Amino acid sequence: MIRSLYLSLICFFLISCNQNNDLKDNVLLSNEITFDVFVNDYKLIDSDSLQVKLSFINTDSSKVVLDWSTNDILNGQFDLGRDSLNTHIKNIPVSQGADSVFIDIKQNDISINSFSIKVEPRNQQKVVIVSDSESNFSGLLNENRLFTYDLIKTESFKKYDFSGYDIMIVESVKEFSDNLIREIQKFMLRKKTILYFMENVNTAYLSQTLDYPTIKAIRGSSKNQFFKLDSEYPNKYLSSNSKEFQIFRFFELKNYKSDEAFFKISTNDPIVIKKNIFGSNVFFLATKMDDDWNNELFNEFIYDIFLDLVYSKIVVNES
């Protein structure tokens, strides 16, 4: 759920969206200043913060500040100065005890609009990372209090039980035993979320059992040539480096539905496939979390799509 704010001369109100739409608008606040405000609660999952993006046209160079407070005594102020050339991105800390954030925008020390934002509770989630070896993905969760994870390494005749987990990451798995496939199927039937880092495996068999996309070939070979995202980067996502993401190698896929291509790269190939399987939301990433496959900044994209995948499981909408 993204919350976007519309400002007007008469009133200020908050719109809650049931879908992840990037909504924003420019509305005149006075004869001198125009604001564009976007409030993003994806940051709540990352670091217990509410992210506010503001840009404004300040024709008379008046001073603009943003005062904020929460209902559990935290408060502060962001001095936006007189800079109307850049978008200001500010993060308001929100503790577990807070359910509302109050914001007051001032122009030359005079309040021009005040509003409050309801903050939804957040659920902690248990993540299971299934891998043939060590996990690179686990490093993205190390400092996030909302996730605890266990790393389970695959073995040919191992019996698995994923019933105590909410989210599954399948990373660097080259051999899917029948036991593993069976337990992943059970996980999907419980409508849990899964993120796959794809591998060059027997996709014909996995397509039948796990609806795994079919790999046609591995494309790319060198860091001297790279591919970039060819999809508009959602405003709700946290990374500001999307233009710097570099993909050196990827799996070229075939036999996928056009509406399953969630993100594409400059070759018009999908880099993320999104599916709903037995009621389970599943992302397939057509590259690896590896320095030979993409640059370090690309990890920010991986983290963003992970938050997108699990958002509805963590932020509890009680309305």
C-alpha atoms as a PDB file:
ATOM      1  CA  MET A   1       0.000   0.000   0.000  1.00  0.00           C
ATOM      2  CA  ILE A   2       1.471   3.343  -1.051  1.00  0.00           C
ATOM      3  CA  ARG A   3       0.224   6.556   0.422  1.00  0.00           C
ATOM      4  CA  SER A   4       0.403   9.631  -1.765  1.00  0.00           C
ATOM      5  CA  LEU A   5      -0.494  13.092  -0.559  1.00  0.00           C
ATOM      6  CA  TYR A   6      -2.410  15.786  -2.426  1.00  0.00           C
ATOM      7  CA  LEU A   7      -2.087  19.358  -1.198  1.00  0.00           C
ATOM      8  CA  SER A   8      -4.681  22.078  -1.776  1.00  0.00           C
ATOM      9  CA  LEU A   9      -5.543  25.556  -0.545  1.00  0.00           C
ATOM     10  CA  ILE A  10      -8.651  24.353   1.268  1.00  0.00           C
ATOM     11  CA  CYS A  11      -7.749  21.013   2.767  1.00  0.00           C
ATOM     12  CA  PHE A  12      -5.234  18.217   2.987  1.00  0.00           C
ATOM     13  CA  PHE A  13      -6.177  14.583   2.845  1.00  0.00           C
ATOM     14  CA  LEU A  14      -4.525  11.173   2.617  1.00  0.00           C
ATOM     15  CA  ILE A  15      -5.469   8.638  -0.039  1.00  0.00           C
ATOM     16  CA  SER A  16      -4.873   4.963   0.712  1.00  0.00           C
ATOM     17  CA  CYS A  17      -4.481   2.795  -2.378  1.00  0.00           C
ATOM     18  CA  ASN A  18      -5.222  -0.910  -2.478  1.00  0.00           C
ATOM     19  CA  GLN A  19      -2.870  -1.256  -5.411  1.00  0.00           C
ATOM     20  CA  ASN A  20       0.724  -0.093  -5.697  1.00  0.00           C
ATOM     21  CA  ASN A  21       0.074   3.004  -7.813  1.00  0.00           C
ATOM     22  CA  ASP A  22       2.540   5.866  -8.003  1.00  0.00           C
ATOM     23  CA  LEU A  23       0.178   8.793  -7.400  1.00  0.00           C
ATOM     24  CA  LYS A  24       1.371  12.344  -7.060  1.00  0.00           C
ATOM     25  CA  ASP A  25       0.248  15.804  -8.097  1.00  0.00           C
ATOM     26  CA  ASN A  26       1.290  19.429  -8.110  1.00  0.00           C
ATOM     27  CA  VAL A  27      -1.132  21.751  -6.347  1.00  0.00           C
ATOM     28  CA  LEU A  28      -0.715  25.443  -5.614  1.00  0.00           C
ATOM     29  CA  LEU A  29      -0.251  26.193  -1.912  1.00  0.00           C
ATOM     30  CA  SER A  30       0.182  29.928  -2.241  1.00  0.00           C
ATOM     31  CA  ASN A  31       1.129  32.414  -4.895  1.00  0.00           C
ATOM     32  CA  GLU A  32       4.777  31.750  -4.193  1.00  0.00           C
ATOM     33  CA  ILE A  33       5.218  28.025  -3.702  1.00  0.00           C
ATOM     34  CA  THR A  34       4.047  24.780  -5.309  1.00  0.00           C
ATOM     35  CA  PHE A  35       4.611  21.396  -3.661  1.00  0.00           C
ATOM     36  CA  ASP A  36       4.848  17.844  -4.933  1.00  0.00           C
ATOM     37  CA  VAL A  37       4.698  15.378  -2.013  1.00  0.00           C
ATOM     38  CA  PHE A  38       4.984  11.600  -2.110  1.00  0.00           C
ATOM     39  CA  VAL A  39       4.789   9.564   1.101  1.00  0.00           C
ATOM     40  CA  ASN A  40       6.152   6.024   0.866  1.00  0.00           C
ATOM     41  CA  ASP A  41       5.661   3.422   3.580  1.00  0.00           C
ATOM     42  CA  TYR A  42       7.950   0.827   1.925  1.00  0.00           C
ATOM     43  CA  LYS A  43      10.691   2.355   4.053  1.00  0.00           C
ATOM     44  CA  LEU A  44       8.852   1.002   7.114  1.00  0.00           C
ATOM     45  CA  ILE A  45       9.992  -2.475   6.107  1.00  0.00           C
ATOM     46  CA  ASP A  46      13.574  -1.400   5.545  1.00  0.00           C
ATOM     47  CA  SER A  47      14.346   0.611   8.662  1.00  0.00           C
ATOM     48  CA  ASP A  48      11.182   1.543  10.585  1.00  0.00           C
ATOM     49  CA  SER A  49      10.998   4.856   8.763  1.00  0.00           C
ATOM     50  CA  LEU A  50       8.376   6.692   6.764  1.00  0.00           C
ATOM     51  CA  GLN A  51       9.925   8.110   3.591  1.00  0.00           C
ATOM     52  CA  VAL A  52       8.788  11.513   2.363  1.00  0.00           C
ATOM     53  CA  LYS A  53       9.829  12.828  -1.052  1.00  0.00           C
ATOM     54  CA  LEU A  54       9.256  16.542  -1.590  1.00  0.00           C
ATOM     55  CA  SER A  55       9.978  18.884  -4.449  1.00  0.00           C
ATOM     56  CA  PHE A  56       8.758  22.454  -4.727  1.00  0.00           C
ATOM     57  CA  ILE A  57       8.850  25.555  -6.869  1.00  0.00           C
ATOM     58  CA  ASN A  58       9.959  28.428  -4.671  1.00  0.00           C
ATOM     59  CA  THR A  59       9.666  31.586  -6.755  1.00  0.00           C
ATOM     60  CA  ASP A  60      10.426  34.043  -3.952  1.00  0.00           C
ATOM     61  CA  SER A  61      13.183  31.924  -2.291  1.00  0.00           C
ATOM     62  CA  SER A  62      11.264  31.689   0.971  1.00  0.00           C
ATOM     63  CA  LYS A  63      12.494  29.292   3.650  1.00  0.00           C
ATOM     64  CA  VAL A  64      10.665  25.958   3.866  1.00  0.00           C
ATOM     65  CA  VAL A  65      10.799  23.515   6.789  1.00  0.00           C
ATOM     66  CA  LEU A  66       9.012  20.275   7.617  1.00  0.00           C
ATOM     67  CA  ASP A  67       8.206  19.623  11.286  1.00  0.00           C
ATOM     68  CA  TRP A  68       7.272  16.053  12.224  1.00  0.00           C
ATOM     69  CA  SER A  69       6.255  14.150  15.326  1.00  0.00           C
ATOM     70  CA  THR A  70       4.782  10.770  16.213  1.00  0.00           C
ATOM     71  CA  ASN A  71       2.238   9.819  18.862  1.00  0.00           C
ATOM     72  CA  ASP A  72       5.016   8.225  20.945  1.00  0.00           C
ATOM     73  CA  ILE A  73       6.874  11.504  21.589  1.00  0.00           C
ATOM     74  CA  LEU A  74       9.506  11.311  18.791  1.00  0.00           C
ATOM     75  CA  ASN A  75       9.790  14.616  16.916  1.00  0.00           C
ATOM     76  CA  GLY A  76      12.128  16.585  14.684  1.00  0.00           C
ATOM     77  CA  GLN A  77      12.488  19.057  11.845  1.00  0.00           C
ATOM     78  CA  PHE A  78      13.863  18.943   8.308  1.00  0.00           C
ATOM     79  CA  ASP A  79      15.152  22.258   6.991  1.00  0.00           C
ATOM     80  CA  LEU A  80      14.508  22.213   3.245  1.00  0.00           C
ATOM     81  CA  GLY A  81      16.052  25.650   2.868  1.00  0.00           C
ATOM     82  CA  ARG A  82      15.318  27.506  -0.335  1.00  0.00           C
ATOM     83  CA  ASP A  83      16.420  24.777  -2.745  1.00  0.00           C
ATOM     84  CA  SER A  84      13.686  24.113  -5.282  1.00  0.00           C
ATOM     85  CA  LEU A  85      15.936  22.469  -7.862  1.00  0.00           C
ATOM     86  CA  ASN A  86      16.160  18.988  -6.336  1.00  0.00           C
ATOM     87  CA  THR A  87      13.792  16.458  -4.790  1.00  0.00           C
ATOM     88  CA  HIS A  88      14.287  16.193  -1.034  1.00  0.00           C
ATOM     89  CA  ILE A  89      14.108  12.670   0.360  1.00  0.00           C
ATOM     90  CA  LYS A  90      13.601  12.513   4.126  1.00  0.00           C
ATOM     91  CA  ASN A  91      13.090   9.522   6.408  1.00  0.00           C
ATOM     92  CA  ILE A  92      11.004   9.922   9.552  1.00  0.00           C
ATOM     93  CA  PRO A  93      11.809   7.308  12.234  1.00  0.00           C
ATOM     94  CA  VAL A  94       8.720   5.402  13.352  1.00  0.00           C
ATOM     95  CA  SER A  95       8.938   3.066  16.336  1.00  0.00           C
ATOM     96  CA  GLN A  96       6.788  -0.021  16.802  1.00  0.00           C
ATOM     97  CA  GLY A  97       4.650   1.883  19.298  1.00  0.00           C
ATOM     98  CA  ALA A  98       3.707   4.653  16.879  1.00  0.00           C
ATOM     99  CA  ASP A  99       0.549   4.446  14.830  1.00  0.00           C
ATOM    100  CA  SER A 100       0.476   8.017  13.499  1.00  0.00           C
ATOM    101  CA  VAL A 101       2.921  10.572  12.109  1.00  0.00           C
ATOM    102  CA  PHE A 102       2.081  14.279  12.157  1.00  0.00           C
ATOM    103  CA  ILE A 103       3.635  16.619   9.585  1.00  0.00           C
ATOM    104  CA  ASP A 104       3.544  20.412   9.442  1.00  0.00           C
ATOM    105  CA  ILE A 105       4.988  22.195   6.394  1.00  0.00           C
ATOM    106  CA  LYS A 106       6.000  25.782   7.098  1.00  0.00           C
ATOM    107  CA  GLN A 107       6.895  28.641   4.798  1.00  0.00           C
ATOM    108  CA  ASN A 108       8.840  31.480   6.453  1.00  0.00           C
ATOM    109  CA  ASP A 109       7.854  30.029   9.877  1.00  0.00           C
ATOM    110  CA  ILE A 110       4.141  30.134   9.012  1.00  0.00           C
ATOM    111  CA  SER A 111       2.253  26.830   8.819  1.00  0.00           C
ATOM    112  CA  ILE A 112       0.857  26.345   5.339  1.00  0.00           C
ATOM    113  CA  ASN A 113      -0.395  22.766   5.762  1.00  0.00           C
ATOM    114  CA  SER A 114      -0.608  20.189   8.527  1.00  0.00           C
ATOM    115  CA  PHE A 115      -1.655  16.575   8.167  1.00  0.00           C
ATOM    116  CA  SER A 116      -1.359  13.179   9.796  1.00  0.00           C
ATOM    117  CA  ILE A 117      -0.499   9.771   8.375  1.00  0.00           C
ATOM    118  CA  LYS A 118      -1.739   6.494   9.808  1.00  0.00           C
ATOM    119  CA  VAL A 119       1.082   3.986  10.194  1.00  0.00           C
ATOM    120  CA  GLU A 120       0.145   0.327   9.921  1.00  0.00           C
ATOM    121  CA  PRO A 121       1.632  -2.285  12.294  1.00  0.00           C
ATOM    122  CA  ARG A 122       4.418  -4.486  10.916  1.00  0.00           C
ATOM    123  CA  ASN A 123       4.691  -8.234  11.267  1.00  0.00           C
ATOM    124  CA  GLN A 124       7.999 -10.003  11.739  1.00  0.00           C
ATOM    125  CA  GLN A 125       8.637 -12.730   9.175  1.00  0.00           C
ATOM    126  CA  LYS A 126      10.640 -15.946   9.187  1.00  0.00           C
ATOM    127  CA  VAL A 127      12.656 -16.487   6.026  1.00  0.00           C
ATOM    128  CA  VAL A 128      14.131 -19.766   4.833  1.00  0.00           C
ATOM    129  CA  ILE A 129      17.027 -19.536   2.384  1.00  0.00           C
ATOM    130  CA  VAL A 130      17.481 -22.763   0.446  1.00  0.00           C
ATOM    131  CA  SER A 131      20.883 -23.026  -1.200  1.00  0.00           C
ATOM    132  CA  ASP A 132      23.534 -25.475  -2.345  1.00  0.00           C
ATOM    133  CA  SER A 133      26.183 -23.363  -0.606  1.00  0.00           C
ATOM    134  CA  GLU A 134      26.508 -20.090   1.317  1.00  0.00           C
ATOM    135  CA  SER A 135      24.013 -17.305   0.687  1.00  0.00           C
ATOM    136  CA  ASN A 136      24.778 -13.885  -0.760  1.00  0.00           C
ATOM    137  CA  PHE A 137      21.186 -12.756  -0.288  1.00  0.00           C
ATOM    138  CA  SER A 138      21.290 -13.165   3.494  1.00  0.00           C
ATOM    139  CA  GLY A 139      23.506 -10.079   3.763  1.00  0.00           C
ATOM    140  CA  LEU A 140      20.558  -7.920   2.671  1.00  0.00           C
ATOM    141  CA  LEU A 141      18.568  -9.002   5.749  1.00  0.00           C
ATOM    142  CA  ASN A 142      21.260  -8.841   8.426  1.00  0.00           C
ATOM    143  CA  GLU A 143      20.315  -5.385   9.750  1.00  0.00           C
ATOM    144  CA  ASN A 144      16.549  -5.620   9.294  1.00  0.00           C
ATOM    145  CA  ARG A 145      14.737  -6.441  12.532  1.00  0.00           C
ATOM    146  CA  LEU A 146      11.580  -7.570  10.694  1.00  0.00           C
ATOM    147  CA  PHE A 147      13.266 -10.654   9.250  1.00  0.00           C
ATOM    148  CA  THR A 148      14.880 -13.658  10.848  1.00  0.00           C
ATOM    149  CA  TYR A 149      16.304 -16.271   8.532  1.00  0.00           C
ATOM    150  CA  ASP A 150      17.674 -19.794   8.479  1.00  0.00           C
ATOM    151  CA  LEU A 151      19.983 -21.109   5.800  1.00  0.00           C
ATOM    152  CA  ILE A 152      19.163 -24.676   4.775  1.00  0.00           C
ATOM    153  CA  LYS A 153      21.667 -26.347   2.480  1.00  0.00           C
ATOM    154  CA  THR A 154      20.410 -28.883  -0.015  1.00  0.00           C
ATOM    155  CA  GLU A 155      21.297 -32.558   0.027  1.00  0.00           C
ATOM    156  CA  SER A 156      20.202 -35.333  -2.338  1.00  0.00           C
ATOM    157  CA  PHE A 157      18.223 -37.423   0.164  1.00  0.00           C
ATOM    158  CA  LYS A 158      17.448 -34.758   2.732  1.00  0.00           C
ATOM    159  CA  LYS A 159      13.929 -34.380   4.114  1.00  0.00           C
ATOM    160  CA  TYR A 160      12.697 -30.796   4.347  1.00  0.00           C
ATOM    161  CA  ASP A 161      10.036 -29.068   6.409  1.00  0.00           C
ATOM    162  CA  PHE A 162       9.276 -25.428   5.566  1.00  0.00           C
ATOM    163  CA  SER A 163       6.000 -25.234   7.492  1.00  0.00           C
ATOM    164  CA  GLY A 164       7.370 -22.783  10.069  1.00  0.00           C
ATOM    165  CA  TYR A 165       8.433 -20.155   7.532  1.00  0.00           C
ATOM    166  CA  ASP A 166       6.671 -17.243   5.844  1.00  0.00           C
ATOM    167  CA  ILE A 167       9.051 -16.479   2.948  1.00  0.00           C
ATOM    168  CA  MET A 168      11.360 -18.682   0.897  1.00  0.00           C
ATOM    169  CA  ILE A 169      14.481 -17.692  -1.033  1.00  0.00           C
ATOM    170  CA  VAL A 170      15.790 -20.298  -3.472  1.00  0.00           C
ATOM    171  CA  GLU A 171      19.377 -19.347  -4.237  1.00  0.00           C
ATOM    172  CA  SER A 172      22.125 -21.198  -6.140  1.00  0.00           C
ATOM    173  CA  VAL A 173      20.173 -24.465  -6.231  1.00  0.00           C
ATOM    174  CA  LYS A 174      21.342 -26.592  -9.158  1.00  0.00           C
ATOM    175  CA  GLU A 175      19.790 -29.925  -8.127  1.00  0.00           C
ATOM    176  CA  PHE A 176      16.143 -30.117  -7.099  1.00  0.00           C
ATOM    177  CA  SER A 177      15.464 -33.446  -5.409  1.00  0.00           C
ATOM    178  CA  ASP A 178      11.955 -34.881  -5.382  1.00  0.00           C
ATOM    179  CA  ASN A 179      11.788 -34.188  -1.644  1.00  0.00           C
ATOM    180  CA  LEU A 180      12.690 -30.538  -2.191  1.00  0.00           C
ATOM    181  CA  ILE A 181      10.176 -30.107  -5.014  1.00  0.00           C
ATOM    182  CA  ARG A 182       7.438 -31.667  -2.904  1.00  0.00           C
ATOM    183  CA  GLU A 183       8.063 -29.322   0.020  1.00  0.00           C
ATOM    184  CA  ILE A 184       8.198 -26.262  -2.232  1.00  0.00           C
ATOM    185  CA  GLN A 185       4.836 -27.304  -3.662  1.00  0.00           C
ATOM    186  CA  LYS A 186       3.412 -27.553  -0.140  1.00  0.00           C
ATOM    187  CA  PHE A 187       4.837 -24.103   0.609  1.00  0.00           C
ATOM    188  CA  MET A 188       3.029 -22.639  -2.402  1.00  0.00           C
ATOM    189  CA  LEU A 189      -0.222 -24.361  -1.476  1.00  0.00           C
ATOM    190  CA  ARG A 190      -0.049 -22.494   1.839  1.00  0.00           C
ATOM    191  CA  LYS A 191       0.066 -19.275  -0.256  1.00  0.00           C
ATOM    192  CA  LYS A 192       3.534 -18.285   0.966  1.00  0.00           C
ATOM    193  CA  THR A 193       5.891 -16.080  -1.089  1.00  0.00           C
ATOM    194  CA  ILE A 194       8.985 -17.294  -2.943  1.00  0.00           C
ATOM    195  CA  LEU A 195      11.923 -15.555  -4.636  1.00  0.00           C
ATOM    196  CA  TYR A 196      14.009 -17.725  -6.972  1.00  0.00           C
ATOM    197  CA  PHE A 197      17.475 -16.862  -8.181  1.00  0.00           C
ATOM    198  CA  MET A 198      17.405 -18.898 -11.368  1.00  0.00           C
ATOM    199  CA  GLU A 199      20.063 -21.465 -12.235  1.00  0.00           C
ATOM    200  CA  ASN A 200      20.919 -23.400 -15.386  1.00  0.00           C
ATOM    201  CA  VAL A 201      18.957 -26.490 -14.364  1.00  0.00           C
ATOM    202  CA  ASN A 202      16.648 -29.026 -15.982  1.00  0.00           C
ATOM    203  CA  THR A 203      13.874 -26.495 -16.469  1.00  0.00           C
ATOM    204  CA  ALA A 204      11.716 -28.877 -18.518  1.00  0.00           C
ATOM    205  CA  TYR A 205      11.038 -31.003 -15.430  1.00  0.00           C
ATOM    206  CA  LEU A 206      10.804 -28.011 -13.087  1.00  0.00           C
ATOM    207  CA  SER A 207       8.365 -26.283 -15.446  1.00  0.00           C
ATOM    208  CA  GLN A 208       5.990 -29.207 -14.953  1.00  0.00           C
ATOM    209  CA  THR A 209       6.403 -29.435 -11.179  1.00  0.00           C
ATOM    210  CA  LEU A 210       7.102 -25.848 -10.034  1.00  0.00           C
ATOM    211  CA  ASP A 211       6.026 -23.733 -13.050  1.00  0.00           C
ATOM    212  CA  TYR A 212       9.710 -22.764 -13.377  1.00  0.00           C
ATOM    213  CA  PRO A 213      10.424 -20.604 -16.471  1.00  0.00           C
ATOM    214  CA  THR A 214      12.211 -22.369 -19.333  1.00  0.00           C
ATOM    215  CA  ILE A 215      15.783 -21.245 -19.973  1.00  0.00           C
ATOM    216  CA  LYS A 216      16.765 -20.862 -23.614  1.00  0.00           C
ATOM    217  CA  ALA A 217      20.380 -19.705 -23.196  1.00  0.00           C
ATOM    218  CA  ILE A 218      22.817 -17.700 -21.056  1.00  0.00           C
ATOM    219  CA  ARG A 219      23.465 -14.270 -22.567  1.00  0.00           C
ATOM    220  CA  GLY A 220      26.377 -11.932 -21.892  1.00  0.00           C
ATOM    221  CA  SER A 221      29.930 -12.857 -21.124  1.00  0.00           C
ATOM    222  CA  SER A 222      32.018  -9.915 -20.013  1.00  0.00           C
ATOM    223  CA  LYS A 223      31.928  -6.837 -17.795  1.00  0.00           C
ATOM    224  CA  ASN A 224      32.959  -4.847 -20.870  1.00  0.00           C
ATOM    225  CA  GLN A 225      29.379  -5.139 -22.083  1.00  0.00           C
ATOM    226  CA  PHE A 226      26.379  -4.735 -19.838  1.00  0.00           C
ATOM    227  CA  PHE A 227      22.616  -4.422 -20.022  1.00  0.00           C
ATOM    228  CA  LYS A 228      20.388  -1.941 -18.205  1.00  0.00           C
ATOM    229  CA  LEU A 229      16.834  -1.987 -16.941  1.00  0.00           C
ATOM    230  CA  ASP A 230      14.354  -1.008 -19.623  1.00  0.00           C
ATOM    231  CA  SER A 231      11.378  -0.618 -17.290  1.00  0.00           C
ATOM    232  CA  GLU A 232      10.317   2.508 -15.435  1.00  0.00           C
ATOM    233  CA  TYR A 233      11.580   2.312 -11.869  1.00  0.00           C
ATOM    234  CA  PRO A 234       8.665   2.525  -9.414  1.00  0.00           C
ATOM    235  CA  ASN A 235       8.562   5.611  -7.233  1.00  0.00           C
ATOM    236  CA  LYS A 236       7.800   3.413  -4.220  1.00  0.00           C
ATOM    237  CA  TYR A 237      11.145   1.589  -4.520  1.00  0.00           C
ATOM    238  CA  LEU A 238      13.945   2.764  -2.254  1.00  0.00           C
ATOM    239  CA  SER A 239      16.969   2.804  -4.541  1.00  0.00           C
ATOM    240  CA  SER A 240      17.886   6.061  -6.282  1.00  0.00           C
ATOM    241  CA  ASN A 241      20.546   4.329  -8.422  1.00  0.00           C
ATOM    242  CA  SER A 242      18.394   2.514 -10.977  1.00  0.00           C
ATOM    243  CA  LYS A 243      20.168   4.162 -13.913  1.00  0.00           C
ATOM    244  CA  GLU A 244      23.459   2.743 -12.617  1.00  0.00           C
ATOM    245  CA  PHE A 245      22.359  -0.906 -12.442  1.00  0.00           C
ATOM    246  CA  GLN A 246      24.469  -3.116 -14.723  1.00  0.00           C
ATOM    247  CA  ILE A 247      23.660  -6.677 -15.733  1.00  0.00           C
ATOM    248  CA  PHE A 248      26.568  -8.555 -17.311  1.00  0.00           C
ATOM    249  CA  ARG A 249      24.920 -11.934 -17.754  1.00  0.00           C
ATOM    250  CA  PHE A 250      21.341 -13.194 -17.672  1.00  0.00           C
ATOM    251  CA  PHE A 251      19.213 -16.185 -18.553  1.00  0.00           C
ATOM    252  CA  GLU A 252      17.279 -15.772 -21.779  1.00  0.00           C
ATOM    253  CA  LEU A 253      13.835 -17.259 -21.166  1.00  0.00           C
ATOM    254  CA  LYS A 254      11.188 -18.689 -23.456  1.00  0.00           C
ATOM    255  CA  ASN A 255       7.564 -19.815 -23.231  1.00  0.00           C
ATOM    256  CA  TYR A 256       6.565 -17.166 -20.701  1.00  0.00           C
ATOM    257  CA  LYS A 257       3.400 -15.072 -20.827  1.00  0.00           C
ATOM    258  CA  SER A 258       3.861 -11.417 -21.718  1.00  0.00           C
ATOM    259  CA  ASP A 259       2.052 -10.248 -18.580  1.00  0.00           C
ATOM    260  CA  GLU A 260       4.480 -12.256 -16.435  1.00  0.00           C
ATOM    261  CA  ALA A 261       7.445 -10.081 -17.507  1.00  0.00           C
ATOM    262  CA  PHE A 262       7.632  -7.852 -14.424  1.00  0.00           C
ATOM    263  CA  PHE A 263      10.893  -6.070 -15.358  1.00  0.00           C
ATOM    264  CA  LYS A 264      12.731  -6.082 -18.673  1.00  0.00           C
ATOM    265  CA  ILE A 265      16.244  -5.102 -19.720  1.00  0.00           C
ATOM    266  CA  SER A 266      17.554  -3.279 -22.799  1.00  0.00           C
ATOM    267  CA  THR A 267      17.387  -6.436 -24.947  1.00  0.00           C
ATOM    268  CA  ASN A 268      13.615  -6.592 -24.262  1.00  0.00           C
ATOM    269  CA  ASP A 269      14.196  -9.782 -22.269  1.00  0.00           C
ATOM    270  CA  PRO A 270      12.535 -10.194 -18.862  1.00  0.00           C
ATOM    271  CA  ILE A 271      14.880  -9.987 -15.894  1.00  0.00           C
ATOM    272  CA  VAL A 272      12.062 -10.676 -13.390  1.00  0.00           C
ATOM    273  CA  ILE A 273       9.143 -13.033 -14.005  1.00  0.00           C
ATOM    274  CA  LYS A 274       6.168 -12.631 -11.678  1.00  0.00           C
ATOM    275  CA  LYS A 275       3.692 -15.477 -11.204  1.00  0.00           C
ATOM    276  CA  ASN A 276       0.839 -16.468  -8.965  1.00  0.00           C
ATOM    277  CA  ILE A 277       1.056 -20.237  -8.419  1.00  0.00           C
ATOM    278  CA  PHE A 278      -1.607 -21.910  -6.269  1.00  0.00           C
ATOM    279  CA  GLY A 279      -2.227 -18.498  -4.679  1.00  0.00           C
ATOM    280  CA  SER A 280       1.480 -18.042  -3.917  1.00  0.00           C
ATOM    281  CA  ASN A 281       3.223 -14.885  -5.173  1.00  0.00           C
ATOM    282  CA  VAL A 282       6.472 -15.968  -6.820  1.00  0.00           C
ATOM    283  CA  PHE A 283       9.302 -13.957  -8.416  1.00  0.00           C
ATOM    284  CA  PHE A 284      11.916 -15.546 -10.681  1.00  0.00           C
ATOM    285  CA  LEU A 285      15.083 -13.464 -11.088  1.00  0.00           C
ATOM    286  CA  ALA A 286      16.812 -14.293 -14.387  1.00  0.00           C
ATOM    287  CA  THR A 287      20.299 -13.495 -13.141  1.00  0.00           C
ATOM    288  CA  LYS A 288      22.459 -14.357 -10.138  1.00  0.00           C
ATOM    289  CA  MET A 289      23.542 -12.356  -7.131  1.00  0.00           C
ATOM    290  CA  ASP A 290      27.143 -12.540  -8.247  1.00  0.00           C
ATOM    291  CA  ASP A 291      29.829 -10.005  -9.196  1.00  0.00           C
ATOM    292  CA  ASP A 292      30.313 -11.809 -12.520  1.00  0.00           C
ATOM    293  CA  TRP A 293      26.628 -11.385 -13.352  1.00  0.00           C
ATOM    294  CA  ASN A 294      25.848  -7.817 -12.226  1.00  0.00           C
ATOM    295  CA  ASN A 295      27.401  -4.862 -10.444  1.00  0.00           C
ATOM    296  CA  GLU A 296      27.170  -4.238  -6.717  1.00  0.00           C
ATOM    297  CA  LEU A 297      24.505  -1.539  -7.059  1.00  0.00           C
ATOM    298  CA  PHE A 298      22.214  -4.136  -8.628  1.00  0.00           C
ATOM    299  CA  ASN A 299      21.806  -5.577  -5.117  1.00  0.00           C
ATOM    300  CA  GLU A 300      19.620  -2.539  -4.390  1.00  0.00           C
ATOM    301  CA  PHE A 301      17.257  -3.685  -7.136  1.00  0.00           C
ATOM    302  CA  ILE A 302      17.171  -7.190  -5.654  1.00  0.00           C
ATOM    303  CA  TYR A 303      16.309  -5.721  -2.258  1.00  0.00           C
ATOM    304  CA  ASP A 304      13.582  -3.532  -3.759  1.00  0.00           C
ATOM    305  CA  ILE A 305      11.842  -6.382  -5.571  1.00  0.00           C
ATOM    306  CA  PHE A 306      12.095  -8.464  -2.399  1.00  0.00           C
ATOM    307  CA  LEU A 307      10.300  -5.717  -0.442  1.00  0.00           C
ATOM    308  CA  ASP A 308       7.708  -5.536  -3.205  1.00  0.00           C
ATOM    309  CA  LEU A 309       7.167  -9.283  -2.980  1.00  0.00           C
ATOM    310  CA  VAL A 310       6.734  -9.409   0.805  1.00  0.00           C
ATOM    311  CA  TYR A 311       5.140  -6.013   1.513  1.00  0.00           C
ATOM    312  CA  SER A 312       1.573  -7.266   1.941  1.00  0.00           C
ATOM    313  CA  LYS A 313       2.805  -9.949   4.376  1.00  0.00           C
ATOM    314  CA  ILE A 314       4.535  -7.444   6.641  1.00  0.00           C
ATOM    315  CA  VAL A 315       2.493  -4.238   6.687  1.00  0.00           C
ATOM    316  CA  VAL A 316      -0.823  -5.116   8.279  1.00  0.00           C
ATOM    317  CA  ASN A 317      -3.749  -3.131   6.920  1.00  0.00           C
ATOM    318  CA  GLU A 318      -6.239  -2.961   9.780  1.00  0.00           C
ATOM    319  CA  SER A 319      -8.705  -0.635   8.050  1.00  0.00           C
END
